[in-house]
Amino acid sequence: MELDYKQIGVNIARRRKELHLKQVEVCEKADLNDKYLSCIETARSIPSLEVFLRICQALDTTPDHLLIGAIECPDYSEMSFALLDKFQTLSPENQRLCLAFMDLLHDGFNG
């Protein structure tokens, strides 16, 4: 298993933009140099685990959210990651509804 640091950087930048934050704002929250965050987002630098966790906290997200799509897993398609990404943004109630709907679809076609 290998990490794709370019994808991690893309995911960090995407999350930052979702929150309408500038790099400098994330750096202040994570106690980082703003140039360092830019290097991480463009994969010119690889963050330590501690720095990565501080970035996650500053972006109000979990490490798995930023790592999705950054770990090469031949068993999962791009569609699977897209579904998981959207699913994780749903409220717990909507997640339950989504799972129930998928069960209906699955049982209707396979049962």
N, C-alpha and C. Protein backbone atom coordinates (compact mmCIF):
# COMPACT_ATOMS: atom_id res chain seq x y z
N MET A 1 0.86 -1.17 0.00
CA MET A 1 0.00 0.00 0.00
C MET A 1 0.90 1.24 0.00
N GLU A 2 0.57 2.16 -0.88
CA GLU A 2 1.37 3.36 -1.02
C GLU A 2 0.49 4.60 -1.00
N LEU A 3 0.96 5.64 -0.32
CA LEU A 3 0.20 6.88 -0.25
C LEU A 3 0.49 7.75 -1.46
N ASP A 4 -0.53 8.41 -1.95
CA ASP A 4 -0.41 9.36 -3.05
C ASP A 4 -0.44 10.76 -2.42
N TYR A 5 0.74 11.32 -2.18
CA TYR A 5 0.82 12.61 -1.49
C TYR A 5 0.25 13.75 -2.32
N LYS A 6 0.28 13.60 -3.63
CA LYS A 6 -0.34 14.62 -4.48
C LYS A 6 -1.85 14.65 -4.23
N GLN A 7 -2.47 13.46 -4.13
CA GLN A 7 -3.91 13.38 -3.87
C GLN A 7 -4.24 13.91 -2.48
N ILE A 8 -3.39 13.62 -1.51
CA ILE A 8 -3.61 14.14 -0.15
C ILE A 8 -3.61 15.66 -0.19
N GLY A 9 -2.66 16.24 -0.91
CA GLY A 9 -2.60 17.69 -1.04
C GLY A 9 -3.85 18.25 -1.71
N VAL A 10 -4.31 17.57 -2.75
CA VAL A 10 -5.55 17.98 -3.44
C VAL A 10 -6.73 17.93 -2.48
N ASN A 11 -6.79 16.86 -1.68
CA ASN A 11 -7.90 16.70 -0.73
C ASN A 11 -7.85 17.78 0.35
N ILE A 12 -6.66 18.13 0.81
CA ILE A 12 -6.52 19.19 1.81
C ILE A 12 -6.99 20.52 1.21
N ALA A 13 -6.53 20.82 0.01
CA ALA A 13 -6.92 22.07 -0.65
C ALA A 13 -8.43 22.12 -0.89
N ARG A 14 -9.01 20.98 -1.32
CA ARG A 14 -10.45 20.94 -1.57
C ARG A 14 -11.23 21.21 -0.29
N ARG A 15 -10.82 20.56 0.80
CA ARG A 15 -11.53 20.76 2.08
C ARG A 15 -11.39 22.22 2.54
N ARG A 16 -10.20 22.79 2.39
CA ARG A 16 -9.98 24.18 2.78
C ARG A 16 -10.91 25.10 1.99
N LYS A 17 -11.03 24.84 0.70
CA LYS A 17 -11.89 25.67 -0.14
C LYS A 17 -13.37 25.47 0.19
N GLU A 18 -13.75 24.23 0.56
CA GLU A 18 -15.13 23.98 0.98
C GLU A 18 -15.50 24.85 2.17
N LEU A 19 -14.51 25.06 3.05
CA LEU A 19 -14.74 25.87 4.25
C LEU A 19 -14.51 27.36 4.01
N HIS A 20 -14.17 27.71 2.77
CA HIS A 20 -13.90 29.10 2.38
C HIS A 20 -12.78 29.70 3.23
N LEU A 21 -11.73 28.90 3.44
CA LEU A 21 -10.59 29.35 4.21
C LEU A 21 -9.40 29.59 3.30
N LYS A 22 -8.62 30.60 3.63
CA LYS A 22 -7.37 30.85 2.93
C LYS A 22 -6.28 30.02 3.60
N GLN A 23 -5.20 29.78 2.87
CA GLN A 23 -4.10 29.00 3.43
C GLN A 23 -3.61 29.60 4.75
N VAL A 24 -3.50 30.90 4.78
CA VAL A 24 -2.99 31.56 5.98
C VAL A 24 -3.90 31.31 7.19
N GLU A 25 -5.20 31.23 6.95
CA GLU A 25 -6.14 30.97 8.05
C GLU A 25 -5.97 29.55 8.60
N VAL A 26 -5.79 28.59 7.70
CA VAL A 26 -5.57 27.21 8.14
C VAL A 26 -4.24 27.13 8.89
N CYS A 27 -3.25 27.82 8.39
CA CYS A 27 -1.93 27.81 9.03
C CYS A 27 -1.99 28.38 10.44
N GLU A 28 -2.76 29.43 10.62
CA GLU A 28 -2.91 30.00 11.96
C GLU A 28 -3.56 28.99 12.90
N LYS A 29 -4.59 28.31 12.42
CA LYS A 29 -5.28 27.31 13.25
C LYS A 29 -4.40 26.12 13.56
N ALA A 30 -3.56 25.73 12.59
CA ALA A 30 -2.73 24.53 12.74
C ALA A 30 -1.32 24.86 13.22
N ASP A 31 -1.05 26.13 13.45
CA ASP A 31 0.28 26.58 13.88
C ASP A 31 1.36 26.15 12.88
N LEU A 32 1.14 26.52 11.60
CA LEU A 32 2.07 26.19 10.53
C LEU A 32 2.48 27.44 9.77
N ASN A 33 3.60 27.34 9.11
CA ASN A 33 4.04 28.37 8.19
C ASN A 33 3.18 28.28 6.94
N ASP A 34 2.68 29.41 6.43
CA ASP A 34 1.78 29.37 5.27
C ASP A 34 2.45 28.80 4.03
N LYS A 35 3.73 28.99 3.89
CA LYS A 35 4.44 28.42 2.74
C LYS A 35 4.52 26.90 2.84
N TYR A 36 4.57 26.39 4.06
CA TYR A 36 4.62 24.94 4.26
C TYR A 36 3.31 24.30 3.83
N LEU A 37 2.18 24.91 4.16
CA LEU A 37 0.89 24.36 3.74
C LEU A 37 0.80 24.36 2.22
N SER A 38 1.26 25.40 1.58
CA SER A 38 1.27 25.44 0.12
C SER A 38 2.08 24.28 -0.44
N CYS A 39 3.22 24.00 0.17
CA CYS A 39 4.06 22.89 -0.29
C CYS A 39 3.38 21.54 -0.07
N ILE A 40 2.64 21.42 1.01
CA ILE A 40 1.90 20.17 1.28
C ILE A 40 0.79 20.00 0.25
N GLU A 41 0.06 21.07 -0.02
CA GLU A 41 -1.04 21.00 -0.98
C GLU A 41 -0.57 20.68 -2.40
N THR A 42 0.66 21.02 -2.71
CA THR A 42 1.19 20.74 -4.05
C THR A 42 2.16 19.56 -4.05
N ALA A 43 2.21 18.85 -2.93
CA ALA A 43 3.04 17.63 -2.78
C ALA A 43 4.54 17.90 -2.93
N ARG A 44 4.95 19.12 -2.67
CA ARG A 44 6.39 19.40 -2.64
C ARG A 44 6.98 19.08 -1.28
N SER A 45 6.12 18.95 -0.26
CA SER A 45 6.53 18.54 1.08
C SER A 45 5.57 17.48 1.59
N ILE A 46 6.09 16.58 2.39
CA ILE A 46 5.28 15.53 3.00
C ILE A 46 5.16 15.86 4.49
N PRO A 47 3.94 16.03 4.98
CA PRO A 47 3.78 16.40 6.39
C PRO A 47 4.04 15.22 7.32
N SER A 48 4.53 15.54 8.50
CA SER A 48 4.66 14.51 9.54
C SER A 48 3.25 14.13 9.99
N LEU A 49 3.13 13.05 10.71
CA LEU A 49 1.83 12.63 11.22
C LEU A 49 1.25 13.72 12.12
N GLU A 50 2.08 14.31 12.96
CA GLU A 50 1.61 15.37 13.86
C GLU A 50 1.05 16.56 13.08
N VAL A 51 1.77 16.98 12.06
CA VAL A 51 1.32 18.11 11.23
C VAL A 51 0.04 17.74 10.50
N PHE A 52 -0.02 16.53 9.95
CA PHE A 52 -1.22 16.08 9.25
C PHE A 52 -2.43 16.12 10.17
N LEU A 53 -2.27 15.68 11.41
CA LEU A 53 -3.39 15.69 12.37
C LEU A 53 -3.79 17.11 12.74
N ARG A 54 -2.82 18.01 12.84
CA ARG A 54 -3.16 19.42 13.13
C ARG A 54 -3.93 20.04 11.96
N ILE A 55 -3.56 19.65 10.73
CA ILE A 55 -4.29 20.15 9.56
C ILE A 55 -5.72 19.61 9.59
N CYS A 56 -5.88 18.33 9.91
CA CYS A 56 -7.22 17.74 10.01
C CYS A 56 -8.07 18.51 11.02
N GLN A 57 -7.48 18.80 12.16
CA GLN A 57 -8.21 19.53 13.20
C GLN A 57 -8.57 20.93 12.71
N ALA A 58 -7.64 21.61 12.06
CA ALA A 58 -7.90 22.96 11.56
C ALA A 58 -8.98 22.96 10.49
N LEU A 59 -9.08 21.86 9.74
CA LEU A 59 -10.09 21.76 8.68
C LEU A 59 -11.35 21.06 9.16
N ASP A 60 -11.43 20.80 10.45
CA ASP A 60 -12.60 20.17 11.05
C ASP A 60 -13.01 18.91 10.29
N THR A 61 -12.02 18.03 10.10
CA THR A 61 -12.28 16.79 9.38
C THR A 61 -11.43 15.67 9.99
N THR A 62 -11.64 14.47 9.51
CA THR A 62 -10.91 13.32 10.01
C THR A 62 -9.82 12.92 9.02
N PRO A 63 -8.79 12.25 9.50
CA PRO A 63 -7.71 11.83 8.59
C PRO A 63 -8.22 10.97 7.43
N ASP A 64 -9.16 10.08 7.70
CA ASP A 64 -9.65 9.22 6.62
C ASP A 64 -10.30 10.03 5.50
N HIS A 65 -10.94 11.13 5.85
CA HIS A 65 -11.57 11.98 4.83
C HIS A 65 -10.51 12.54 3.88
N LEU A 66 -9.36 12.94 4.42
CA LEU A 66 -8.31 13.50 3.58
C LEU A 66 -7.49 12.43 2.88
N LEU A 67 -7.51 11.21 3.42
CA LEU A 67 -6.75 10.12 2.81
C LEU A 67 -7.53 9.37 1.74
N ILE A 68 -8.86 9.52 1.72
CA ILE A 68 -9.65 8.78 0.73
C ILE A 68 -9.18 9.15 -0.67
N GLY A 69 -8.91 8.14 -1.42
CA GLY A 69 -8.42 8.34 -2.78
C GLY A 69 -6.92 8.52 -2.84
N ALA A 70 -6.26 8.59 -1.67
CA ALA A 70 -4.82 8.79 -1.65
C ALA A 70 -4.08 7.49 -1.36
N ILE A 71 -4.83 6.44 -1.06
CA ILE A 71 -4.23 5.13 -0.83
C ILE A 71 -4.61 4.26 -2.01
N GLU A 72 -3.63 3.69 -2.64
CA GLU A 72 -3.91 2.85 -3.79
C GLU A 72 -4.55 1.56 -3.33
N CYS A 73 -5.80 1.36 -3.68
CA CYS A 73 -6.56 0.17 -3.35
C CYS A 73 -7.20 -0.34 -4.62
N PRO A 74 -6.64 -1.34 -5.23
CA PRO A 74 -7.19 -1.80 -6.50
C PRO A 74 -8.59 -2.38 -6.39
N ASP A 75 -9.06 -2.69 -5.18
CA ASP A 75 -10.38 -3.28 -5.01
C ASP A 75 -11.51 -2.26 -5.11
N TYR A 76 -11.20 -0.97 -5.03
CA TYR A 76 -12.24 0.04 -5.02
C TYR A 76 -12.13 0.91 -6.26
N SER A 77 -13.27 1.16 -6.88
CA SER A 77 -13.30 2.00 -8.06
C SER A 77 -13.42 3.47 -7.65
N GLU A 78 -13.22 4.32 -8.61
CA GLU A 78 -13.38 5.76 -8.39
C GLU A 78 -14.81 6.07 -7.95
N MET A 79 -15.76 5.32 -8.50
CA MET A 79 -17.17 5.50 -8.13
C MET A 79 -17.38 5.18 -6.65
N SER A 80 -16.72 4.15 -6.15
CA SER A 80 -16.86 3.78 -4.74
C SER A 80 -16.39 4.92 -3.84
N PHE A 81 -15.26 5.53 -4.19
CA PHE A 81 -14.75 6.63 -3.39
C PHE A 81 -15.67 7.84 -3.48
N ALA A 82 -16.23 8.10 -4.65
CA ALA A 82 -17.16 9.22 -4.81
C ALA A 82 -18.40 9.00 -3.95
N LEU A 83 -18.92 7.77 -3.95
CA LEU A 83 -20.08 7.46 -3.12
C LEU A 83 -19.77 7.63 -1.64
N LEU A 84 -18.63 7.12 -1.22
CA LEU A 84 -18.24 7.23 0.19
C LEU A 84 -18.07 8.69 0.59
N ASP A 85 -17.46 9.47 -0.27
CA ASP A 85 -17.25 10.89 0.03
C ASP A 85 -18.58 11.60 0.22
N LYS A 86 -19.53 11.35 -0.65
CA LYS A 86 -20.85 11.97 -0.52
C LYS A 86 -21.60 11.44 0.70
N PHE A 87 -21.50 10.14 0.93
CA PHE A 87 -22.19 9.51 2.05
C PHE A 87 -21.73 10.12 3.38
N GLN A 88 -20.43 10.37 3.51
CA GLN A 88 -19.89 10.90 4.76
C GLN A 88 -20.36 12.32 5.06
N THR A 89 -20.83 13.03 4.06
CA THR A 89 -21.30 14.40 4.29
C THR A 89 -22.76 14.44 4.74
N LEU A 90 -23.44 13.29 4.68
CA LEU A 90 -24.85 13.24 5.07
C LEU A 90 -25.00 13.20 6.59
N SER A 91 -26.14 13.66 7.05
CA SER A 91 -26.47 13.55 8.47
C SER A 91 -26.68 12.08 8.80
N PRO A 92 -26.58 11.69 10.08
CA PRO A 92 -26.82 10.29 10.45
C PRO A 92 -28.18 9.77 9.97
N GLU A 93 -29.20 10.61 10.08
CA GLU A 93 -30.53 10.18 9.63
C GLU A 93 -30.54 9.94 8.12
N ASN A 94 -29.93 10.84 7.35
CA ASN A 94 -29.89 10.66 5.90
C ASN A 94 -29.00 9.48 5.51
N GLN A 95 -27.98 9.19 6.31
CA GLN A 95 -27.16 8.00 6.05
C GLN A 95 -28.02 6.74 6.20
N ARG A 96 -28.85 6.70 7.24
CA ARG A 96 -29.73 5.54 7.44
C ARG A 96 -30.71 5.41 6.27
N LEU A 97 -31.28 6.54 5.82
CA LEU A 97 -32.20 6.51 4.68
C LEU A 97 -31.49 6.03 3.41
N CYS A 98 -30.29 6.50 3.23
CA CYS A 98 -29.51 6.10 2.05
C CYS A 98 -29.24 4.60 2.07
N LEU A 99 -28.85 4.08 3.22
CA LEU A 99 -28.61 2.64 3.34
C LEU A 99 -29.89 1.84 3.09
N ALA A 100 -31.01 2.31 3.60
CA ALA A 100 -32.28 1.62 3.38
C ALA A 100 -32.64 1.62 1.90
N PHE A 101 -32.41 2.75 1.23
CA PHE A 101 -32.67 2.84 -0.20
C PHE A 101 -31.77 1.89 -0.98
N MET A 102 -30.50 1.82 -0.61
CA MET A 102 -29.58 0.91 -1.29
C MET A 102 -29.99 -0.54 -1.06
N ASP A 103 -30.48 -0.85 0.14
CA ASP A 103 -30.98 -2.20 0.40
C ASP A 103 -32.16 -2.53 -0.51
N LEU A 104 -33.06 -1.56 -0.68
CA LEU A 104 -34.20 -1.77 -1.58
C LEU A 104 -33.75 -2.01 -3.02
N LEU A 105 -32.80 -1.20 -3.46
CA LEU A 105 -32.28 -1.38 -4.81
C LEU A 105 -31.62 -2.75 -4.98
N HIS A 106 -30.81 -3.09 -4.01
CA HIS A 106 -30.08 -4.36 -4.06
C HIS A 106 -31.05 -5.55 -4.04
N ASP A 107 -31.98 -5.54 -3.13
CA ASP A 107 -32.93 -6.65 -3.01
C ASP A 107 -33.86 -6.74 -4.22
N GLY A 108 -34.21 -5.58 -4.78
CA GLY A 108 -35.09 -5.57 -5.94
C GLY A 108 -34.43 -6.18 -7.17
N PHE A 109 -33.12 -6.01 -7.29
CA PHE A 109 -32.42 -6.54 -8.47
C PHE A 109 -31.85 -7.93 -8.24
N ASN A 110 -31.60 -8.27 -6.97
CA ASN A 110 -30.97 -9.55 -6.70
C ASN A 110 -31.86 -10.52 -5.94
N GLY A 111 -33.03 -10.10 -5.53
CA GLY A 111 -33.81 -10.97 -4.67
C GLY A 111 -34.97 -11.56 -5.34
